[in-house]
Amino acid sequence: MKICIYGCGAIGSLLAARLAAGGAEVSAVARGAQLTDSEQSVKAMLLDRSATANAKPELEIYADDVKCAHGCAIGELDPMGLFYLQARGLAPADAKKLMLQAFVAGVFEGAADEEMLIEAALKKLGELV
């Protein structure tokens, strides 16, 4: 996925979340796009001990007066969180599904079509787990 910023004074944010997947996420600030403020975050959730994720956030900046940041986090479901949910009566599979739903839904916070995007993502997640 590549996101390009062309205009002056643009403000943007890219958050990519993956379930045990990899790839590059690139934000590019074009020449002349001065005063751009851009953030990029890539998060990956490993679903089992043999899973791997190759997340590679990249910034391509061709302007001088910009503020850009990027970061990456890779992890697995919190075992204490799973225990907490199970101690309150959820089956292990339901606890895992609930935590994955929270991870996926967090990606779309603040998006223009937040509810529609969350609904579509949760439907797809339901097909996977």
C-alpha atoms as a PDB file:
ATOM      1  CA  MET A   1       0.000   0.000   0.000  1.00  0.00           C
ATOM      2  CA  LYS A   2       1.352   3.423  -0.888  1.00  0.00           C
ATOM      3  CA  ILE A   3      -0.200   6.691   0.238  1.00  0.00           C
ATOM      4  CA  CYS A   4       0.984   9.839  -1.570  1.00  0.00           C
ATOM      5  CA  ILE A   5       0.661  13.378  -0.252  1.00  0.00           C
ATOM      6  CA  TYR A   6       0.863  16.083  -2.917  1.00  0.00           C
ATOM      7  CA  GLY A   7      -0.580  19.309  -1.459  1.00  0.00           C
ATOM      8  CA  CYS A   8       0.981  21.910   0.790  1.00  0.00           C
ATOM      9  CA  GLY A   9      -0.083  21.844   4.424  1.00  0.00           C
ATOM     10  CA  ALA A  10      -1.599  18.332   4.226  1.00  0.00           C
ATOM     11  CA  ILE A  11      -2.366  16.492   7.439  1.00  0.00           C
ATOM     12  CA  GLY A  12      -2.597  12.722   7.267  1.00  0.00           C
ATOM     13  CA  SER A  13      -2.472   9.550   9.285  1.00  0.00           C
ATOM     14  CA  LEU A  14      -1.977   5.953   8.133  1.00  0.00           C
ATOM     15  CA  LEU A  15      -2.671   3.074  10.505  1.00  0.00           C
ATOM     16  CA  ALA A  16      -2.287  -0.418   9.105  1.00  0.00           C
ATOM     17  CA  ALA A  17      -3.184  -3.391  11.261  1.00  0.00           C
ATOM     18  CA  ARG A  18      -2.572  -6.952  10.241  1.00  0.00           C
ATOM     19  CA  LEU A  19      -3.355 -10.371  11.600  1.00  0.00           C
ATOM     20  CA  ALA A  20      -0.191 -12.444  11.127  1.00  0.00           C
ATOM     21  CA  ALA A  21       0.658 -10.853   7.791  1.00  0.00           C
ATOM     22  CA  GLY A  22       3.454  -8.751   6.376  1.00  0.00           C
ATOM     23  CA  GLY A  23       4.361  -6.236   3.736  1.00  0.00           C
ATOM     24  CA  ALA A  24       5.382  -2.646   3.307  1.00  0.00           C
ATOM     25  CA  GLU A  25       3.332   0.418   4.108  1.00  0.00           C
ATOM     26  CA  VAL A  26       4.715   3.533   2.403  1.00  0.00           C
ATOM     27  CA  SER A  27       3.792   7.183   2.952  1.00  0.00           C
ATOM     28  CA  ALA A  28       5.252   9.506   0.332  1.00  0.00           C
ATOM     29  CA  VAL A  29       5.428  13.296   0.639  1.00  0.00           C
ATOM     30  CA  ALA A  30       5.831  14.783  -2.845  1.00  0.00           C
ATOM     31  CA  ARG A  31       8.122  17.675  -3.787  1.00  0.00           C
ATOM     32  CA  GLY A  32       6.535  20.978  -2.917  1.00  0.00           C
ATOM     33  CA  ALA A  33       4.218  19.491  -0.270  1.00  0.00           C
ATOM     34  CA  GLN A  34       5.648  21.787   2.396  1.00  0.00           C
ATOM     35  CA  LEU A  35       4.171  21.992   5.916  1.00  0.00           C
ATOM     36  CA  THR A  36       2.862  18.424   5.690  1.00  0.00           C
ATOM     37  CA  ASP A  37       2.095  16.694   9.016  1.00  0.00           C
ATOM     38  CA  SER A  38       1.969  12.917   8.584  1.00  0.00           C
ATOM     39  CA  GLU A  39       1.912   9.919  10.930  1.00  0.00           C
ATOM     40  CA  GLN A  40       2.235   6.246  10.083  1.00  0.00           C
ATOM     41  CA  SER A  41       1.706   3.263  12.382  1.00  0.00           C
ATOM     42  CA  VAL A  42       1.796  -0.428  11.506  1.00  0.00           C
ATOM     43  CA  LYS A  43       0.474  -2.962  14.039  1.00  0.00           C
ATOM     44  CA  ALA A  44       0.468  -6.739  13.651  1.00  0.00           C
ATOM     45  CA  MET A  45      -1.197  -9.376  15.834  1.00  0.00           C
ATOM     46  CA  LEU A  46       0.372 -12.845  15.877  1.00  0.00           C
ATOM     47  CA  LEU A  47      -2.323 -15.491  16.254  1.00  0.00           C
ATOM     48  CA  ASP A  48      -0.122 -18.443  17.260  1.00  0.00           C
ATOM     49  CA  ARG A  49       3.470 -19.252  18.248  1.00  0.00           C
ATOM     50  CA  SER A  50       4.522 -20.185  14.699  1.00  0.00           C
ATOM     51  CA  ALA A  51       3.135 -16.996  13.106  1.00  0.00           C
ATOM     52  CA  THR A  52       5.449 -14.274  11.838  1.00  0.00           C
ATOM     53  CA  ALA A  53       4.862 -10.729  10.666  1.00  0.00           C
ATOM     54  CA  ASN A  54       7.111  -8.642   8.455  1.00  0.00           C
ATOM     55  CA  ALA A  55       5.920  -5.097   8.917  1.00  0.00           C
ATOM     56  CA  LYS A  56       7.992  -2.439   7.223  1.00  0.00           C
ATOM     57  CA  PRO A  57       6.737   1.129   7.638  1.00  0.00           C
ATOM     58  CA  GLU A  58       8.456   3.500   5.201  1.00  0.00           C
ATOM     59  CA  LEU A  59       8.474   7.236   4.655  1.00  0.00           C
ATOM     60  CA  GLU A  60       9.525   8.781   1.353  1.00  0.00           C
ATOM     61  CA  ILE A  61       9.950  12.514   1.881  1.00  0.00           C
ATOM     62  CA  TYR A  62      10.766  14.803  -1.039  1.00  0.00           C
ATOM     63  CA  ALA A  63       9.990  18.119   0.698  1.00  0.00           C
ATOM     64  CA  ASP A  64      12.019  20.072   3.246  1.00  0.00           C
ATOM     65  CA  ASP A  65       9.534  21.612   5.681  1.00  0.00           C
ATOM     66  CA  VAL A  66       7.552  18.608   6.957  1.00  0.00           C
ATOM     67  CA  LYS A  67       6.701  16.821  10.198  1.00  0.00           C
ATOM     68  CA  CYS A  68       6.523  13.040   9.677  1.00  0.00           C
ATOM     69  CA  ALA A  69       6.627  10.113  12.099  1.00  0.00           C
ATOM     70  CA  HIS A  70       6.384   6.358  11.760  1.00  0.00           C
ATOM     71  CA  GLY A  71       6.340   3.331  14.035  1.00  0.00           C
ATOM     72  CA  CYS A  72       5.679  -0.376  14.229  1.00  0.00           C
ATOM     73  CA  ALA A  73       4.408  -2.793  16.894  1.00  0.00           C
ATOM     74  CA  ILE A  74       4.123  -6.573  16.649  1.00  0.00           C
ATOM     75  CA  GLY A  75       2.650  -8.705  19.408  1.00  0.00           C
ATOM     76  CA  GLU A  76       0.261 -11.411  20.443  1.00  0.00           C
ATOM     77  CA  LEU A  77      -2.939 -11.527  22.447  1.00  0.00           C
ATOM     78  CA  ASP A  78      -2.382 -10.687  26.106  1.00  0.00           C
ATOM     79  CA  PRO A  79      -2.550 -13.969  28.075  1.00  0.00           C
ATOM     80  CA  MET A  80      -3.649 -12.108  31.215  1.00  0.00           C
ATOM     81  CA  GLY A  81      -6.458 -10.442  29.256  1.00  0.00           C
ATOM     82  CA  LEU A  82      -7.569 -13.834  27.959  1.00  0.00           C
ATOM     83  CA  PHE A  83      -7.457 -15.246  31.502  1.00  0.00           C
ATOM     84  CA  TYR A  84      -9.484 -12.275  32.790  1.00  0.00           C
ATOM     85  CA  LEU A  85     -12.235 -12.826  30.215  1.00  0.00           C
ATOM     86  CA  GLN A  86     -12.284 -16.581  30.806  1.00  0.00           C
ATOM     87  CA  ALA A  87     -12.489 -16.054  34.574  1.00  0.00           C
ATOM     88  CA  ARG A  88     -15.692 -14.112  33.908  1.00  0.00           C
ATOM     89  CA  GLY A  89     -17.293 -17.007  32.068  1.00  0.00           C
ATOM     90  CA  LEU A  90     -16.247 -16.604  28.433  1.00  0.00           C
ATOM     91  CA  ALA A  91     -15.117 -19.718  26.611  1.00  0.00           C
ATOM     92  CA  PRO A  92     -11.453 -19.554  25.467  1.00  0.00           C
ATOM     93  CA  ALA A  93     -12.481 -19.216  21.795  1.00  0.00           C
ATOM     94  CA  ASP A  94     -14.957 -16.425  22.623  1.00  0.00           C
ATOM     95  CA  ALA A  95     -12.343 -14.558  24.705  1.00  0.00           C
ATOM     96  CA  LYS A  96      -9.867 -14.732  21.818  1.00  0.00           C
ATOM     97  CA  LYS A  97     -12.505 -13.579  19.335  1.00  0.00           C
ATOM     98  CA  LEU A  98     -13.520 -10.635  21.543  1.00  0.00           C
ATOM     99  CA  MET A  99      -9.911  -9.452  21.892  1.00  0.00           C
ATOM    100  CA  LEU A 100      -9.349  -9.758  18.130  1.00  0.00           C
ATOM    101  CA  GLN A 101     -12.531  -7.782  17.472  1.00  0.00           C
ATOM    102  CA  ALA A 102     -11.231  -4.986  19.706  1.00  0.00           C
ATOM    103  CA  PHE A 103      -7.887  -4.992  17.859  1.00  0.00           C
ATOM    104  CA  VAL A 104      -9.555  -4.819  14.434  1.00  0.00           C
ATOM    105  CA  ALA A 105     -12.176  -2.225  15.445  1.00  0.00           C
ATOM    106  CA  GLY A 106      -9.467   0.099  16.813  1.00  0.00           C
ATOM    107  CA  VAL A 107      -8.032   0.525  13.334  1.00  0.00           C
ATOM    108  CA  PHE A 108     -11.057   2.460  12.098  1.00  0.00           C
ATOM    109  CA  GLU A 109     -11.513   4.917  14.987  1.00  0.00           C
ATOM    110  CA  GLY A 110     -12.105   8.377  13.572  1.00  0.00           C
ATOM    111  CA  ALA A 111     -12.520   7.217   9.957  1.00  0.00           C
ATOM    112  CA  ALA A 112     -15.215   8.892   7.857  1.00  0.00           C
ATOM    113  CA  ASP A 113     -17.175   5.638   7.426  1.00  0.00           C
ATOM    114  CA  GLU A 114     -16.138   4.184  10.790  1.00  0.00           C
ATOM    115  CA  GLU A 115     -19.259   2.078  11.466  1.00  0.00           C
ATOM    116  CA  MET A 116     -19.415   0.610   7.961  1.00  0.00           C
ATOM    117  CA  LEU A 117     -15.677  -0.199   7.971  1.00  0.00           C
ATOM    118  CA  ILE A 118     -15.827  -1.830  11.408  1.00  0.00           C
ATOM    119  CA  GLU A 119     -18.848  -3.899  10.405  1.00  0.00           C
ATOM    120  CA  ALA A 120     -17.148  -5.138   7.215  1.00  0.00           C
ATOM    121  CA  ALA A 121     -13.888  -5.906   9.040  1.00  0.00           C
ATOM    122  CA  LEU A 122     -15.633  -7.789  11.842  1.00  0.00           C
ATOM    123  CA  LYS A 123     -17.597  -9.809   9.284  1.00  0.00           C
ATOM    124  CA  LYS A 124     -14.335 -10.793   7.580  1.00  0.00           C
ATOM    125  CA  LEU A 125     -12.740 -11.577  10.951  1.00  0.00           C
ATOM    126  CA  GLY A 126     -15.701 -13.826  11.778  1.00  0.00           C
ATOM    127  CA  GLU A 127     -14.940 -15.814   8.623  1.00  0.00           C
ATOM    128  CA  LEU A 128     -11.311 -16.261   9.693  1.00  0.00           C
ATOM    129  CA  VAL A 129     -11.752 -17.285  13.358  1.00  0.00           C
END
